[in-house]
């Protein structure tokens, strides 16, 4: 387990997940319904990175607010038998999700020092076919769940 994350949640389908938009929830629930057996535990809305700086002289609570709301947020971090998956969930796997998956995995590795292999992953309804080679070349896994029921 990665230090500092606390206890993971069980990989079960829920009506909503912390930080995920409704369209992302549909994609993640569809993926989780078929793949929960691959995951030992999940953390949602994992914060990484540096918060915005606040001017000196402001009330100390402003620092706490900045720390809580201005850091980057990973959709899902999964503990698996082989290591950690840093997962970006999107209806459409595109340039944005590719970049987020790469950067979030690096930031997670630095901040949480998991001591386990960290893998970038995008779970989406559909991948942009023009980017398949880029996902492969950058070592970012992707899994499509489709748009249908």
N, C-alpha and C. Protein backbone atom coordinates (compact mmCIF):
# COMPACT_ATOMS: atom_id res chain seq x y z
N UNK A 1 0.84 -1.18 0.00
CA UNK A 1 0.00 0.00 0.00
C UNK A 1 0.88 1.24 0.00
N UNK A 2 0.43 2.27 -0.67
CA UNK A 2 1.16 3.53 -0.71
C UNK A 2 0.97 4.29 0.59
N UNK A 3 2.08 4.72 1.18
CA UNK A 3 2.02 5.43 2.45
C UNK A 3 1.27 6.74 2.31
N UNK A 4 0.47 7.07 3.31
CA UNK A 4 -0.22 8.34 3.33
C UNK A 4 -1.59 8.37 2.70
N UNK A 5 -2.02 7.28 2.10
CA UNK A 5 -3.33 7.27 1.46
C UNK A 5 -4.47 6.85 2.38
N UNK A 6 -4.13 6.24 3.51
CA UNK A 6 -5.17 5.72 4.37
C UNK A 6 -5.69 4.39 3.83
N UNK A 7 -6.78 3.95 4.41
CA UNK A 7 -7.34 2.67 4.00
C UNK A 7 -8.08 2.81 2.66
N UNK A 8 -7.92 1.81 1.80
CA UNK A 8 -8.61 1.88 0.51
C UNK A 8 -10.09 1.52 0.65
N UNK A 9 -10.86 1.93 -0.35
CA UNK A 9 -12.25 1.51 -0.44
C UNK A 9 -12.29 0.19 -1.21
N UNK A 10 -13.32 -0.59 -0.99
CA UNK A 10 -13.50 -1.82 -1.75
C UNK A 10 -13.86 -1.46 -3.19
N UNK A 11 -13.40 -2.26 -4.14
CA UNK A 11 -13.71 -1.98 -5.55
C UNK A 11 -15.13 -2.45 -5.91
N UNK A 12 -16.12 -1.68 -5.49
CA UNK A 12 -17.51 -2.03 -5.76
C UNK A 12 -18.18 -0.89 -6.52
N UNK A 13 -19.16 -1.27 -7.33
CA UNK A 13 -19.93 -0.29 -8.08
C UNK A 13 -20.81 0.48 -7.09
N UNK A 14 -20.78 1.82 -7.23
CA UNK A 14 -21.58 2.69 -6.36
C UNK A 14 -22.36 3.68 -7.23
N UNK A 15 -23.37 4.32 -6.67
CA UNK A 15 -24.14 5.31 -7.45
C UNK A 15 -23.29 6.52 -7.84
N UNK A 16 -22.29 6.84 -7.02
CA UNK A 16 -21.38 7.95 -7.33
C UNK A 16 -20.06 7.69 -6.62
N UNK A 17 -19.04 8.41 -7.07
CA UNK A 17 -17.70 8.27 -6.51
C UNK A 17 -17.16 9.68 -6.25
N UNK A 18 -16.35 9.84 -5.22
CA UNK A 18 -15.80 11.17 -4.95
C UNK A 18 -15.10 11.73 -6.18
N UNK A 19 -15.42 12.96 -6.54
CA UNK A 19 -14.75 13.73 -7.58
C UNK A 19 -15.17 13.38 -9.00
N UNK A 20 -15.78 12.24 -9.25
CA UNK A 20 -16.14 11.88 -10.62
C UNK A 20 -17.45 12.55 -11.04
N UNK A 21 -17.44 13.10 -12.25
CA UNK A 21 -18.66 13.64 -12.83
C UNK A 21 -19.59 12.49 -13.21
N UNK A 22 -20.86 12.78 -13.44
CA UNK A 22 -21.81 11.72 -13.76
C UNK A 22 -21.39 10.91 -14.98
N UNK A 23 -20.90 11.59 -16.04
CA UNK A 23 -20.49 10.84 -17.24
C UNK A 23 -19.27 9.97 -16.98
N UNK A 24 -18.41 10.39 -16.05
CA UNK A 24 -17.27 9.57 -15.66
C UNK A 24 -17.72 8.40 -14.79
N UNK A 25 -18.71 8.65 -13.94
CA UNK A 25 -19.25 7.60 -13.08
C UNK A 25 -19.80 6.44 -13.89
N UNK A 26 -20.49 6.75 -14.98
CA UNK A 26 -21.04 5.71 -15.86
C UNK A 26 -19.90 4.84 -16.41
N UNK A 27 -18.85 5.49 -16.88
CA UNK A 27 -17.70 4.77 -17.45
C UNK A 27 -17.02 3.93 -16.38
N UNK A 28 -16.73 4.51 -15.22
CA UNK A 28 -16.03 3.80 -14.16
C UNK A 28 -16.87 2.62 -13.64
N UNK A 29 -18.17 2.83 -13.45
CA UNK A 29 -19.03 1.75 -12.96
C UNK A 29 -19.07 0.59 -13.95
N UNK A 30 -19.13 0.92 -15.24
CA UNK A 30 -19.14 -0.12 -16.26
C UNK A 30 -17.83 -0.92 -16.22
N UNK A 31 -16.71 -0.21 -16.08
CA UNK A 31 -15.41 -0.88 -16.02
C UNK A 31 -15.30 -1.73 -14.75
N UNK A 32 -15.69 -1.14 -13.63
CA UNK A 32 -15.56 -1.83 -12.34
C UNK A 32 -16.44 -3.07 -12.27
N UNK A 33 -17.61 -3.02 -12.89
CA UNK A 33 -18.51 -4.18 -12.87
C UNK A 33 -17.86 -5.42 -13.49
N UNK A 34 -16.95 -5.20 -14.45
CA UNK A 34 -16.29 -6.32 -15.12
C UNK A 34 -14.88 -6.59 -14.61
N UNK A 35 -14.32 -5.66 -13.85
CA UNK A 35 -12.90 -5.76 -13.50
C UNK A 35 -12.57 -5.66 -12.02
N UNK A 36 -13.56 -5.63 -11.17
CA UNK A 36 -13.31 -5.49 -9.74
C UNK A 36 -12.37 -6.57 -9.21
N UNK A 37 -12.42 -7.75 -9.81
CA UNK A 37 -11.57 -8.86 -9.37
C UNK A 37 -10.08 -8.55 -9.56
N UNK A 38 -9.75 -7.59 -10.41
CA UNK A 38 -8.35 -7.22 -10.68
C UNK A 38 -7.81 -6.22 -9.67
N UNK A 39 -8.68 -5.68 -8.83
CA UNK A 39 -8.33 -4.57 -7.94
C UNK A 39 -8.51 -5.00 -6.49
N UNK A 40 -7.51 -4.71 -5.68
CA UNK A 40 -7.59 -5.03 -4.25
C UNK A 40 -8.23 -3.90 -3.45
N UNK A 41 -8.06 -2.67 -3.91
CA UNK A 41 -8.64 -1.52 -3.22
C UNK A 41 -8.49 -0.27 -4.06
N UNK A 42 -9.33 0.72 -3.78
CA UNK A 42 -9.33 1.98 -4.55
C UNK A 42 -9.30 3.18 -3.62
N UNK A 43 -8.65 4.21 -4.08
CA UNK A 43 -8.71 5.53 -3.46
C UNK A 43 -9.21 6.48 -4.52
N UNK A 44 -10.15 7.34 -4.17
CA UNK A 44 -10.71 8.30 -5.11
C UNK A 44 -10.27 9.71 -4.74
N UNK A 45 -10.18 10.56 -5.77
CA UNK A 45 -9.89 11.98 -5.56
C UNK A 45 -8.58 12.17 -4.79
N UNK A 46 -7.53 11.53 -5.28
CA UNK A 46 -6.23 11.58 -4.61
C UNK A 46 -5.51 12.86 -5.05
N UNK A 47 -5.17 13.68 -4.08
CA UNK A 47 -4.53 14.96 -4.38
C UNK A 47 -3.02 14.82 -4.50
N UNK A 48 -2.48 15.48 -5.52
CA UNK A 48 -1.04 15.50 -5.74
C UNK A 48 -0.63 16.92 -6.16
N UNK A 49 0.65 17.18 -6.04
CA UNK A 49 1.17 18.45 -6.52
C UNK A 49 1.17 19.54 -5.47
N UNK A 50 1.58 20.69 -5.91
CA UNK A 50 1.77 21.84 -5.04
C UNK A 50 0.53 22.73 -5.10
N UNK A 51 0.04 23.18 -3.94
CA UNK A 51 -1.10 24.11 -3.97
C UNK A 51 -0.65 25.49 -4.44
N UNK A 52 -1.61 26.30 -4.85
CA UNK A 52 -1.25 27.67 -5.22
C UNK A 52 -0.69 28.38 -3.99
N UNK A 53 0.23 29.32 -4.22
CA UNK A 53 0.76 30.08 -3.09
C UNK A 53 -0.22 31.18 -2.73
N UNK A 54 -0.32 31.40 -1.46
CA UNK A 54 -1.17 32.48 -0.97
C UNK A 54 -0.29 33.58 -0.40
N UNK A 55 -0.71 34.82 -0.52
CA UNK A 55 0.10 35.92 0.00
C UNK A 55 0.30 35.79 1.51
N UNK A 56 1.43 36.22 1.97
CA UNK A 56 1.69 36.19 3.42
C UNK A 56 0.79 37.22 4.09
N UNK A 57 0.52 36.97 5.35
CA UNK A 57 -0.29 37.90 6.13
C UNK A 57 -1.77 37.58 6.14
N UNK A 58 -2.20 36.62 5.36
CA UNK A 58 -3.62 36.24 5.37
C UNK A 58 -3.87 35.27 6.53
N UNK A 59 -5.12 35.09 6.86
CA UNK A 59 -5.47 34.16 7.93
C UNK A 59 -4.93 32.78 7.62
N UNK A 60 -4.47 32.08 8.63
CA UNK A 60 -3.86 30.76 8.46
C UNK A 60 -4.81 29.77 7.78
N UNK A 61 -6.10 29.95 7.92
CA UNK A 61 -7.05 29.02 7.30
C UNK A 61 -7.00 29.09 5.78
N UNK A 62 -6.54 30.21 5.22
CA UNK A 62 -6.44 30.33 3.76
C UNK A 62 -5.43 29.32 3.22
N UNK A 63 -4.34 29.08 3.95
CA UNK A 63 -3.37 28.06 3.53
C UNK A 63 -4.03 26.68 3.47
N UNK A 64 -4.84 26.39 4.48
CA UNK A 64 -5.51 25.08 4.52
C UNK A 64 -6.49 24.94 3.36
N UNK A 65 -7.20 26.01 3.05
CA UNK A 65 -8.14 25.97 1.93
C UNK A 65 -7.38 25.75 0.62
N UNK A 66 -6.30 26.50 0.43
CA UNK A 66 -5.49 26.34 -0.79
C UNK A 66 -4.96 24.92 -0.90
N UNK A 67 -4.49 24.36 0.21
CA UNK A 67 -3.97 22.99 0.21
C UNK A 67 -5.07 22.00 -0.18
N UNK A 68 -6.28 22.23 0.29
CA UNK A 68 -7.37 21.30 0.04
C UNK A 68 -8.00 21.38 -1.33
N UNK A 69 -8.00 22.57 -1.94
CA UNK A 69 -8.78 22.70 -3.17
C UNK A 69 -7.97 23.04 -4.42
N UNK A 70 -6.69 23.36 -4.29
CA UNK A 70 -5.96 23.78 -5.49
C UNK A 70 -4.92 22.78 -5.98
N UNK A 71 -4.81 21.66 -5.31
CA UNK A 71 -3.89 20.64 -5.81
C UNK A 71 -4.58 19.85 -6.91
N UNK A 72 -3.78 19.18 -7.74
CA UNK A 72 -4.33 18.34 -8.80
C UNK A 72 -4.99 17.12 -8.17
N UNK A 73 -5.98 16.55 -8.89
CA UNK A 73 -6.74 15.45 -8.32
C UNK A 73 -6.78 14.26 -9.28
N UNK A 74 -6.26 13.15 -8.79
CA UNK A 74 -6.31 11.89 -9.55
C UNK A 74 -7.69 11.29 -9.35
N UNK A 75 -8.31 10.85 -10.44
CA UNK A 75 -9.65 10.25 -10.32
C UNK A 75 -9.63 9.02 -9.42
N UNK A 76 -8.79 8.04 -9.76
CA UNK A 76 -8.76 6.78 -9.01
C UNK A 76 -7.33 6.26 -8.94
N UNK A 77 -6.96 5.78 -7.77
CA UNK A 77 -5.71 5.03 -7.60
C UNK A 77 -6.12 3.63 -7.16
N UNK A 78 -5.63 2.63 -7.88
CA UNK A 78 -6.00 1.24 -7.59
C UNK A 78 -4.78 0.46 -7.11
N UNK A 79 -4.95 -0.28 -6.05
CA UNK A 79 -3.95 -1.24 -5.59
C UNK A 79 -4.27 -2.56 -6.29
N UNK A 80 -3.28 -3.12 -6.96
CA UNK A 80 -3.45 -4.41 -7.63
C UNK A 80 -2.38 -5.37 -7.13
N UNK A 81 -2.47 -6.61 -7.54
CA UNK A 81 -1.46 -7.60 -7.15
C UNK A 81 -0.08 -7.21 -7.67
N UNK A 82 -0.04 -6.50 -8.80
CA UNK A 82 1.25 -6.16 -9.41
C UNK A 82 1.76 -4.76 -9.10
N UNK A 83 0.97 -3.95 -8.42
CA UNK A 83 1.41 -2.59 -8.12
C UNK A 83 0.25 -1.62 -8.03
N UNK A 84 0.48 -0.40 -8.52
CA UNK A 84 -0.48 0.69 -8.42
C UNK A 84 -0.87 1.14 -9.82
N UNK A 85 -2.17 1.33 -10.02
CA UNK A 85 -2.66 1.94 -11.25
C UNK A 85 -3.14 3.33 -10.91
N UNK A 86 -2.65 4.32 -11.63
CA UNK A 86 -3.14 5.68 -11.51
C UNK A 86 -4.07 5.88 -12.69
N UNK A 87 -5.37 6.03 -12.39
CA UNK A 87 -6.41 5.95 -13.42
C UNK A 87 -7.09 7.30 -13.66
N UNK A 88 -7.11 7.69 -14.90
CA UNK A 88 -7.91 8.83 -15.35
C UNK A 88 -9.15 8.26 -16.03
N UNK A 89 -10.33 8.74 -15.63
CA UNK A 89 -11.60 8.23 -16.16
C UNK A 89 -12.23 9.32 -17.01
N UNK A 90 -12.55 8.96 -18.25
CA UNK A 90 -13.14 9.92 -19.19
C UNK A 90 -14.08 9.19 -20.14
N UNK A 91 -15.12 9.86 -20.61
CA UNK A 91 -15.93 9.23 -21.65
C UNK A 91 -15.12 8.98 -22.92
N UNK A 92 -14.23 9.91 -23.26
CA UNK A 92 -13.47 9.79 -24.50
C UNK A 92 -11.98 9.92 -24.18
N UNK A 93 -11.20 8.88 -24.47
CA UNK A 93 -9.76 8.91 -24.25
C UNK A 93 -9.10 9.75 -25.32
N UNK A 94 -8.56 10.91 -24.92
CA UNK A 94 -8.01 11.85 -25.89
C UNK A 94 -6.68 12.42 -25.40
N UNK A 95 -6.25 13.53 -26.03
CA UNK A 95 -4.99 14.18 -25.64
C UNK A 95 -4.97 14.51 -24.16
N UNK A 96 -6.08 15.05 -23.68
CA UNK A 96 -6.15 15.48 -22.28
C UNK A 96 -5.95 14.30 -21.33
N UNK A 97 -6.67 13.23 -21.56
CA UNK A 97 -6.56 12.08 -20.65
C UNK A 97 -5.18 11.44 -20.73
N UNK A 98 -4.58 11.42 -21.91
CA UNK A 98 -3.22 10.89 -22.05
C UNK A 98 -2.25 11.70 -21.20
N UNK A 99 -2.30 13.02 -21.33
CA UNK A 99 -1.42 13.88 -20.55
C UNK A 99 -1.67 13.77 -19.06
N UNK A 100 -2.94 13.75 -18.66
CA UNK A 100 -3.25 13.63 -17.24
C UNK A 100 -2.72 12.32 -16.67
N UNK A 101 -2.91 11.23 -17.39
CA UNK A 101 -2.44 9.93 -16.89
C UNK A 101 -0.93 9.93 -16.71
N UNK A 102 -0.21 10.49 -17.66
CA UNK A 102 1.26 10.53 -17.56
C UNK A 102 1.72 11.37 -16.37
N UNK A 103 1.19 12.57 -16.28
CA UNK A 103 1.63 13.50 -15.23
C UNK A 103 1.19 13.01 -13.86
N UNK A 104 -0.03 12.56 -13.74
CA UNK A 104 -0.51 12.10 -12.43
C UNK A 104 0.29 10.90 -11.92
N UNK A 105 0.66 9.98 -12.79
CA UNK A 105 1.45 8.82 -12.35
C UNK A 105 2.82 9.27 -11.84
N UNK A 106 3.44 10.20 -12.55
CA UNK A 106 4.74 10.72 -12.09
C UNK A 106 4.59 11.42 -10.75
N UNK A 107 3.60 12.28 -10.65
CA UNK A 107 3.41 13.03 -9.41
C UNK A 107 3.07 12.09 -8.24
N UNK A 108 2.26 11.09 -8.51
CA UNK A 108 1.91 10.12 -7.48
C UNK A 108 3.16 9.39 -6.99
N UNK A 109 4.00 8.95 -7.93
CA UNK A 109 5.22 8.23 -7.56
C UNK A 109 6.12 9.08 -6.68
N UNK A 110 6.23 10.34 -7.00
CA UNK A 110 7.08 11.25 -6.22
C UNK A 110 6.49 11.51 -4.84
N UNK A 111 5.21 11.80 -4.80
CA UNK A 111 4.60 12.22 -3.54
C UNK A 111 4.31 11.08 -2.59
N UNK A 112 3.91 9.94 -3.09
CA UNK A 112 3.51 8.84 -2.22
C UNK A 112 4.54 7.74 -2.11
N UNK A 113 5.57 7.76 -2.93
CA UNK A 113 6.67 6.80 -2.82
C UNK A 113 6.15 5.41 -2.50
N UNK A 114 5.32 4.89 -3.38
CA UNK A 114 4.61 3.64 -3.12
C UNK A 114 5.54 2.44 -2.96
N UNK A 115 6.74 2.48 -3.52
CA UNK A 115 7.62 1.33 -3.45
C UNK A 115 7.13 0.18 -4.31
N UNK A 116 6.17 0.45 -5.15
CA UNK A 116 5.59 -0.55 -6.06
C UNK A 116 5.58 0.05 -7.46
N UNK A 117 5.51 -0.79 -8.48
CA UNK A 117 5.40 -0.24 -9.84
C UNK A 117 4.12 0.61 -9.96
N UNK A 118 4.24 1.78 -10.57
CA UNK A 118 3.10 2.67 -10.80
C UNK A 118 2.84 2.72 -12.30
N UNK A 119 1.61 2.42 -12.67
CA UNK A 119 1.22 2.35 -14.07
C UNK A 119 0.16 3.42 -14.35
N UNK A 120 0.35 4.16 -15.46
CA UNK A 120 -0.65 5.13 -15.93
C UNK A 120 -1.73 4.38 -16.69
N UNK A 121 -2.98 4.79 -16.46
CA UNK A 121 -4.08 4.10 -17.13
C UNK A 121 -5.22 5.08 -17.40
N UNK A 122 -5.87 4.91 -18.54
CA UNK A 122 -7.07 5.65 -18.86
C UNK A 122 -8.20 4.65 -19.06
N UNK A 123 -9.29 4.86 -18.35
CA UNK A 123 -10.50 4.06 -18.55
C UNK A 123 -11.49 4.99 -19.22
N UNK A 124 -11.98 4.56 -20.38
CA UNK A 124 -12.85 5.43 -21.17
C UNK A 124 -13.92 4.61 -21.87
N UNK A 125 -14.94 5.30 -22.36
CA UNK A 125 -15.94 4.61 -23.18
C UNK A 125 -15.33 4.28 -24.53
N UNK A 126 -14.56 5.24 -25.05
CA UNK A 126 -13.94 5.04 -26.36
C UNK A 126 -12.64 5.83 -26.45
N UNK A 127 -11.66 5.25 -27.10
CA UNK A 127 -10.35 5.90 -27.28
C UNK A 127 -10.32 6.59 -28.64
N UNK A 128 -9.62 7.69 -28.71
CA UNK A 128 -9.39 8.35 -30.00
C UNK A 128 -8.45 7.44 -30.80
N UNK A 129 -8.91 6.89 -31.92
CA UNK A 129 -8.07 5.94 -32.66
C UNK A 129 -6.77 6.55 -33.17
N UNK A 130 -6.73 7.87 -33.33
CA UNK A 130 -5.50 8.53 -33.78
C UNK A 130 -4.42 8.54 -32.70
N UNK A 131 -4.80 8.26 -31.46
CA UNK A 131 -3.84 8.35 -30.35
C UNK A 131 -3.39 7.01 -29.81
N UNK A 132 -3.88 5.92 -30.35
CA UNK A 132 -3.54 4.58 -29.85
C UNK A 132 -2.02 4.38 -29.80
N UNK A 133 -1.33 4.76 -30.86
CA UNK A 133 0.13 4.61 -30.87
C UNK A 133 0.79 5.48 -29.81
N UNK A 134 0.24 6.65 -29.57
CA UNK A 134 0.82 7.54 -28.54
C UNK A 134 0.63 6.95 -27.14
N UNK A 135 -0.52 6.39 -26.88
CA UNK A 135 -0.74 5.73 -25.59
C UNK A 135 0.29 4.61 -25.42
N UNK A 136 0.43 3.79 -26.44
CA UNK A 136 1.39 2.67 -26.40
C UNK A 136 2.82 3.19 -26.23
N UNK A 137 3.22 4.18 -27.04
CA UNK A 137 4.59 4.68 -27.01
C UNK A 137 4.95 5.30 -25.66
N UNK A 138 3.97 5.84 -24.96
CA UNK A 138 4.22 6.46 -23.66
C UNK A 138 3.93 5.51 -22.49
N UNK A 139 3.56 4.28 -22.80
CA UNK A 139 3.33 3.30 -21.74
C UNK A 139 2.07 3.53 -20.94
N UNK A 140 1.10 4.22 -21.52
CA UNK A 140 -0.16 4.46 -20.82
C UNK A 140 -1.18 3.41 -21.28
N UNK A 141 -1.65 2.61 -20.34
CA UNK A 141 -2.66 1.61 -20.66
C UNK A 141 -3.99 2.31 -20.87
N UNK A 142 -4.84 1.72 -21.69
CA UNK A 142 -6.20 2.22 -21.80
C UNK A 142 -7.13 1.04 -21.93
N UNK A 143 -8.32 1.22 -21.39
CA UNK A 143 -9.34 0.19 -21.50
C UNK A 143 -10.65 0.89 -21.83
N UNK A 144 -11.29 0.39 -22.88
CA UNK A 144 -12.56 0.95 -23.36
C UNK A 144 -13.73 0.12 -22.85
N UNK A 145 -14.81 0.81 -22.48
CA UNK A 145 -15.99 0.10 -21.99
C UNK A 145 -17.19 0.29 -22.91
N UNK A 146 -17.08 1.14 -23.91
CA UNK A 146 -18.18 1.38 -24.85
C UNK A 146 -19.20 2.35 -24.29
N UNK A 147 -20.05 2.85 -25.17
CA UNK A 147 -21.08 3.81 -24.78
C UNK A 147 -22.43 3.15 -24.54
N UNK A 148 -22.60 1.91 -24.97
CA UNK A 148 -23.89 1.24 -24.86
C UNK A 148 -24.21 0.79 -23.45
N UNK A 149 -25.37 0.17 -23.28
CA UNK A 149 -25.80 -0.29 -21.94
C UNK A 149 -24.97 -1.40 -21.35
